[in-house]
Amino acid sequence: MKATEKRKIKGHEVTFLGFGALEIGRDWGFVNRTRPEETEALALIQEVLDSGVNLIDTASAYHLSEERIGKFIKSNGKKFFLASKCGEHNRDNSTYYDFSYQAVKESIKRSLKLLNVEELDLLQIHFGPNAEQVIKDGETYKAMAEAKSVGKVKLLGASIDGALAKECILSGNFDCMQMTYNLLDTSNFANLQLCKEKNIGVLIKGPFAQGKLTPKVFDILAGDKLQPKERAKLTALLEACNNDADILMNCALQLLYREEAISSVLAGTKSIHHFHNNIKLLETPLDEKIFQAVKRIAFAN
């Protein structure tokens, strides 16, 4: 099954489809923004793992996400690849940035405690404003590298795009990059190839472009929040898919599945139905002519 096909991050096997755990801990979304109750969140984690998916990506900034995953681990044990992030911190249902050595060191300690683990499989910098300065200062990386040296973290990563992502890749400091890549935004294509060349793992965030490549596309196009260029591209993609949102989603997933540089795709949701639908669509046969037409649109200037 494509969703549970194993790929690698520095020798660690992860499934092609991963689970982004933002929505199980933080109010998020276009329509129903409310996070699920704890029992629902824990049931969703179990369903994800029962499906064969073995990667869960969370962050301190995802409010209750780490705590809920930790409760699951306490009851069920840790039998999956666990990734988290540091730099953006959670406080009283809001977040703030602090990339200083001490703040990140304390954040790592707190994440390990909340998650009920002694070691993270992957720790990533959760970049925000002034990412260039964070890289230049090096304090965040110093705290992360120290955690790795004492066995609290196996692999180090960075969640960032564009020129700064390239800088991180070339630095030799990171084992994995988390980047945006989808039918509406292929700007990280060269970075993907560079990661492949350097044997660096790649996690994909935003595979459905914040709902634009899902059945929500019709409501989004009916609204007035899209920029003209993005609206034109999204309209062209949908038309190439015969105005069928399921075909559009299938194409979005196939673009990622066919890219060898990608280790895992983080599909975030708080809905068991949506999670299983992603798996179903990955297995649904796709008209190759449609996919190639969609791909041409995706890479057009």
Protein backbone atom coordinates (compact mmCIF):
# COMPACT_ATOMS: atom_id res chain seq x y z
CA MET A 1 0.00 0.00 0.00
CA LYS A 2 1.40 3.38 -1.04
CA ALA A 3 0.52 5.16 2.20
CA THR A 4 2.52 2.70 4.29
CA GLU A 5 5.38 2.22 1.84
CA LYS A 6 8.64 2.61 3.77
CA ARG A 7 11.11 5.34 2.92
CA LYS A 8 14.17 6.44 4.88
CA ILE A 9 15.53 9.33 6.89
CA LYS A 10 19.18 8.61 7.64
CA GLY A 11 18.52 4.88 7.92
CA HIS A 12 15.29 5.23 9.92
CA GLU A 13 12.27 3.79 8.12
CA VAL A 14 9.18 6.01 7.89
CA THR A 15 5.93 5.56 6.00
CA PHE A 16 5.24 7.71 2.95
CA LEU A 17 2.14 9.07 4.65
CA GLY A 18 2.82 10.66 8.00
CA PHE A 19 0.48 12.29 10.50
CA GLY A 20 0.69 16.00 11.27
CA ALA A 21 -0.57 16.37 14.83
CA LEU A 22 -1.34 20.10 14.85
CA GLU A 23 -5.12 19.81 14.81
CA ILE A 24 -5.38 17.31 17.67
CA GLY A 25 -3.99 19.90 20.05
CA ARG A 26 -4.64 23.38 18.68
CA ASP A 27 -7.75 25.11 17.35
CA TRP A 28 -7.14 25.18 13.62
CA GLY A 29 -8.98 25.03 10.33
CA PHE A 30 -11.22 26.94 7.91
CA VAL A 31 -14.65 25.90 9.12
CA ASN A 32 -14.61 23.97 12.40
CA ARG A 33 -11.52 25.34 14.13
CA THR A 34 -12.14 23.66 17.49
CA ARG A 35 -9.67 20.96 18.49
CA PRO A 36 -11.18 17.57 19.36
CA GLU A 37 -11.76 16.36 22.90
CA GLU A 38 -8.91 14.36 24.37
CA THR A 39 -10.66 11.00 23.94
CA GLU A 40 -11.22 11.75 20.24
CA ALA A 41 -7.61 12.82 19.80
CA LEU A 42 -6.29 9.63 21.40
CA ALA A 43 -8.64 7.53 19.27
CA LEU A 44 -7.37 9.25 16.14
CA ILE A 45 -3.75 8.55 17.08
CA GLN A 46 -4.65 4.89 17.56
CA GLU A 47 -6.44 4.80 14.20
CA VAL A 48 -3.44 6.36 12.46
CA LEU A 49 -1.08 3.76 13.89
CA ASP A 50 -3.51 0.88 13.26
CA SER A 51 -3.58 1.90 9.59
CA GLY A 52 0.17 1.24 9.38
CA VAL A 53 1.37 4.85 9.40
CA ASN A 54 4.45 5.13 11.64
CA LEU A 55 5.40 8.83 11.71
CA ILE A 56 3.81 11.50 13.89
CA ASP A 57 4.97 15.11 13.71
CA THR A 58 4.13 17.54 16.50
CA ALA A 59 5.53 20.71 18.08
CA SER A 60 5.61 22.66 21.30
CA ALA A 61 3.56 25.32 19.51
CA TYR A 62 0.70 22.89 18.86
CA HIS A 63 -0.75 23.62 22.31
CA LEU A 64 -2.04 20.30 23.73
CA SER A 65 -0.61 18.09 20.98
CA GLU A 66 2.58 16.96 22.75
CA GLU A 67 0.70 16.36 26.00
CA ARG A 68 -1.94 14.23 24.28
CA ILE A 69 0.62 12.18 22.37
CA GLY A 70 2.45 11.70 25.66
CA LYS A 71 -0.69 10.34 27.29
CA PHE A 72 -1.10 7.94 24.40
CA ILE A 73 2.51 6.79 24.74
CA LYS A 74 2.12 6.33 28.50
CA SER A 75 -0.80 3.95 27.93
CA ASN A 76 0.34 2.24 24.74
CA GLY A 77 4.09 2.62 24.46
CA LYS A 78 6.01 4.30 21.65
CA LYS A 79 6.03 2.20 18.50
CA PHE A 80 6.42 4.93 15.90
CA PHE A 81 8.82 7.60 14.63
CA LEU A 82 8.23 10.74 16.68
CA ALA A 83 9.19 14.22 15.49
CA SER A 84 8.76 17.51 17.30
CA LYS A 85 9.95 21.11 16.98
CA CYS A 86 11.47 23.88 19.06
CA GLY A 87 11.79 27.66 18.84
CA GLU A 88 8.08 28.50 18.80
CA HIS A 89 6.77 27.88 22.30
CA ASN A 90 3.36 27.24 23.80
CA ARG A 91 2.00 29.38 26.63
CA ASP A 92 -1.62 29.60 27.83
CA ASN A 93 -3.17 28.68 24.46
CA SER A 94 -0.96 31.12 22.60
CA THR A 95 2.56 30.89 21.21
CA TYR A 96 5.71 33.00 21.21
CA TYR A 97 9.17 32.75 19.66
CA ASP A 98 12.40 32.40 21.60
CA PHE A 99 15.39 30.88 19.82
CA SER A 100 17.92 31.48 22.59
CA TYR A 101 20.10 28.61 23.78
CA GLN A 102 18.51 28.47 27.23
CA ALA A 103 14.92 28.69 25.98
CA VAL A 104 15.45 25.91 23.46
CA LYS A 105 17.27 23.73 25.99
CA GLU A 106 14.34 24.10 28.41
CA SER A 107 11.86 23.50 25.57
CA ILE A 108 13.51 20.20 24.66
CA LYS A 109 13.35 19.09 28.30
CA ARG A 110 9.67 20.05 28.50
CA SER A 111 8.81 18.28 25.24
CA LEU A 112 10.46 15.06 26.37
CA LYS A 113 8.51 15.18 29.62
CA LEU A 114 5.18 15.92 27.94
CA LEU A 115 5.73 13.23 25.32
CA ASN A 116 6.76 10.64 27.92
CA VAL A 117 9.94 9.70 26.06
CA GLU A 118 13.63 9.85 26.88
CA GLU A 119 14.64 10.48 23.28
CA LEU A 120 13.05 12.12 20.23
CA ASP A 121 13.57 10.57 16.82
CA LEU A 122 13.66 14.00 15.18
CA LEU A 123 13.85 17.54 16.54
CA GLN A 124 13.33 20.43 14.13
CA ILE A 125 13.75 24.19 14.33
CA HIS A 126 10.29 25.78 14.15
CA PHE A 127 11.36 28.92 12.33
CA GLY A 128 9.36 32.14 12.51
CA PRO A 129 10.20 35.80 11.93
CA ASN A 130 13.84 36.69 11.23
CA ALA A 131 14.88 33.12 10.47
CA GLU A 132 18.11 34.36 8.90
CA GLN A 133 19.21 35.83 12.25
CA VAL A 134 18.34 32.58 14.06
CA ILE A 135 20.62 30.67 11.70
CA LYS A 136 23.38 33.27 12.05
CA ASP A 137 23.23 33.32 15.86
CA GLY A 138 23.42 29.54 16.05
CA GLU A 139 22.03 29.31 19.59
CA THR A 140 19.08 27.12 18.65
CA TYR A 141 21.27 24.71 16.74
CA LYS A 142 23.77 24.64 19.61
CA ALA A 143 21.08 23.53 22.08
CA MET A 144 19.75 20.94 19.62
CA ALA A 145 23.21 19.53 18.84
CA GLU A 146 23.93 19.28 22.55
CA ALA A 147 20.69 17.32 23.08
CA LYS A 148 21.72 14.97 20.27
CA SER A 149 25.18 14.46 21.76
CA VAL A 150 23.74 13.30 25.10
CA GLY A 151 21.16 10.95 23.57
CA LYS A 152 18.02 13.04 23.91
CA VAL A 153 17.56 13.40 20.15
CA LYS A 154 18.50 11.06 17.29
CA LEU A 155 18.17 13.39 14.29
CA LEU A 156 18.13 17.15 13.74
CA GLY A 157 15.96 19.01 11.27
CA ALA A 158 14.69 22.40 10.17
CA SER A 159 11.25 23.50 9.01
CA ILE A 160 11.85 26.26 6.47
CA ASP A 161 11.57 27.04 2.74
CA GLY A 162 13.41 28.76 -0.07
CA ALA A 163 16.92 30.21 0.08
CA LEU A 164 17.26 29.67 3.82
CA ALA A 165 16.27 26.03 3.40
CA LYS A 166 19.08 25.70 0.88
CA GLU A 167 21.47 27.28 3.38
CA CYS A 168 20.41 24.75 6.02
CA ILE A 169 20.83 21.86 3.59
CA LEU A 170 24.34 22.96 2.61
CA SER A 171 25.39 23.58 6.21
CA GLY A 172 25.69 19.88 6.91
CA ASN A 173 24.01 20.40 10.29
CA PHE A 174 20.69 18.76 9.52
CA ASP A 175 19.53 15.21 8.86
CA CYS A 176 16.05 16.19 7.65
CA MET A 177 14.26 19.18 6.17
CA GLN A 178 10.55 19.98 6.46
CA MET A 179 9.42 22.03 3.47
CA THR A 180 6.33 23.18 1.61
CA TYR A 181 5.70 21.46 -1.70
CA ASN A 182 2.41 21.00 -3.54
CA LEU A 183 0.63 21.59 -6.84
CA LEU A 184 0.29 25.30 -6.08
CA ASP A 185 3.82 25.77 -4.76
CA THR A 186 6.69 23.85 -6.38
CA SER A 187 9.31 26.46 -5.44
CA ASN A 188 11.23 23.99 -3.27
CA PHE A 189 11.78 21.54 -6.13
CA ALA A 190 15.51 22.34 -6.37
CA ASN A 191 15.82 21.99 -2.59
CA LEU A 192 14.24 18.54 -2.80
CA GLN A 193 16.83 17.47 -5.35
CA LEU A 194 19.62 18.91 -3.22
CA CYS A 195 18.38 16.93 -0.23
CA LYS A 196 18.40 13.77 -2.32
CA GLU A 197 21.98 14.51 -3.40
CA LYS A 198 23.07 15.10 0.20
CA ASN A 199 21.15 12.11 1.62
CA ILE A 200 18.96 14.36 3.75
CA GLY A 201 15.43 13.30 4.61
CA VAL A 202 12.45 15.40 3.55
CA LEU A 203 9.11 15.88 5.28
CA ILE A 204 6.44 17.71 3.29
CA LYS A 205 4.13 20.19 5.01
CA GLY A 206 1.06 21.69 3.36
CA PRO A 207 0.52 18.90 0.79
CA PHE A 208 -3.01 20.17 0.13
CA ALA A 209 -2.13 23.89 0.33
CA GLN A 210 -4.24 24.57 3.42
CA GLY A 211 -7.33 22.98 1.91
CA LYS A 212 -7.10 24.55 -1.53
CA LEU A 213 -6.43 21.13 -3.08
CA THR A 214 -9.36 19.43 -1.34
CA PRO A 215 -13.17 19.63 -1.71
CA LYS A 216 -12.88 22.99 0.09
CA VAL A 217 -11.58 24.35 -3.20
CA PHE A 218 -15.08 25.34 -4.35
CA ASP A 219 -15.76 27.47 -1.27
CA ILE A 220 -12.27 28.97 -1.50
CA LEU A 221 -12.74 29.92 -5.14
CA ALA A 222 -16.12 31.40 -4.29
CA GLY A 223 -14.47 33.67 -1.74
CA ASP A 224 -12.26 36.70 -2.24
CA LYS A 225 -9.08 35.78 -0.34
CA LEU A 226 -7.03 34.39 -3.24
CA GLN A 227 -4.49 36.48 -5.10
CA PRO A 228 -5.23 36.68 -8.87
CA LYS A 229 -2.26 34.54 -9.90
CA GLU A 230 -3.08 31.80 -7.37
CA ARG A 231 -6.76 31.91 -8.31
CA ALA A 232 -5.92 31.45 -11.98
CA LYS A 233 -3.60 28.51 -11.26
CA LEU A 234 -6.06 26.82 -8.90
CA THR A 235 -8.88 27.25 -11.43
CA ALA A 236 -6.72 25.74 -14.18
CA LEU A 237 -5.78 22.78 -11.96
CA LEU A 238 -9.41 22.11 -11.08
CA GLU A 239 -10.51 22.32 -14.71
CA ALA A 240 -7.75 19.87 -15.72
CA CYS A 241 -9.25 17.50 -13.13
CA ASN A 242 -12.71 17.77 -14.72
CA ASN A 243 -13.80 19.92 -11.76
CA ASP A 244 -13.57 16.84 -9.54
CA ALA A 245 -12.01 17.59 -6.13
CA ASP A 246 -11.17 13.93 -5.48
CA ILE A 247 -9.14 13.79 -8.69
CA LEU A 248 -7.44 17.04 -7.65
CA MET A 249 -6.50 15.51 -4.28
CA ASN A 250 -5.32 12.34 -5.98
CA CYS A 251 -3.06 14.39 -8.27
CA ALA A 252 -1.76 16.33 -5.27
CA LEU A 253 -0.80 13.08 -3.55
CA GLN A 254 0.65 11.50 -6.70
CA LEU A 255 2.93 14.49 -7.29
CA LEU A 256 4.49 13.78 -3.89
CA TYR A 257 4.45 9.99 -4.12
CA ARG A 258 6.38 10.04 -7.39
CA GLU A 259 9.13 12.26 -5.98
CA GLU A 260 11.90 10.00 -4.67
CA ALA A 261 13.46 12.78 -2.60
CA ILE A 262 10.43 12.88 -0.29
CA SER A 263 10.60 10.70 2.81
CA SER A 264 7.13 11.36 4.23
CA VAL A 265 4.13 13.61 3.66
CA LEU A 266 2.53 15.16 6.74
CA ALA A 267 -1.21 15.00 6.27
CA GLY A 268 -2.72 16.82 9.21
CA THR A 269 -6.33 16.32 10.24
CA LYS A 270 -8.61 15.87 13.23
CA SER A 271 -10.98 13.66 11.24
CA ILE A 272 -10.60 9.89 11.04
CA HIS A 273 -12.73 9.99 7.88
CA HIS A 274 -10.39 12.47 6.20
CA PHE A 275 -7.35 10.45 7.21
CA HIS A 276 -8.74 7.25 5.69
CA ASN A 277 -9.82 9.16 2.58
CA ASN A 278 -6.20 10.21 2.00
CA ILE A 279 -5.17 6.55 2.08
CA LYS A 280 -8.03 5.59 -0.24
CA LEU A 281 -7.18 8.29 -2.77
CA LEU A 282 -3.54 7.24 -2.88
CA GLU A 283 -4.69 3.81 -4.03
CA THR A 284 -7.24 5.12 -6.54
CA PRO A 285 -6.13 4.69 -10.18
CA LEU A 286 -5.38 8.01 -11.85
CA ASP A 287 -5.72 8.92 -15.52
CA GLU A 288 -2.12 9.57 -16.59
CA LYS A 289 -3.16 12.19 -19.16
CA ILE A 290 -4.91 14.16 -16.43
CA PHE A 291 -1.93 13.90 -14.11
CA GLN A 292 0.52 15.07 -16.75
CA ALA A 293 -1.73 18.02 -17.61
CA VAL A 294 -1.96 18.92 -13.92
CA LYS A 295 1.80 18.61 -13.54
CA ARG A 296 2.41 20.98 -16.45
CA ILE A 297 0.17 23.56 -14.81
CA ALA A 298 1.91 23.08 -11.47
CA PHE A 299 5.35 23.77 -12.94
CA ALA A 300 4.31 26.54 -15.33
CA ASN A 301 5.75 29.98 -14.59
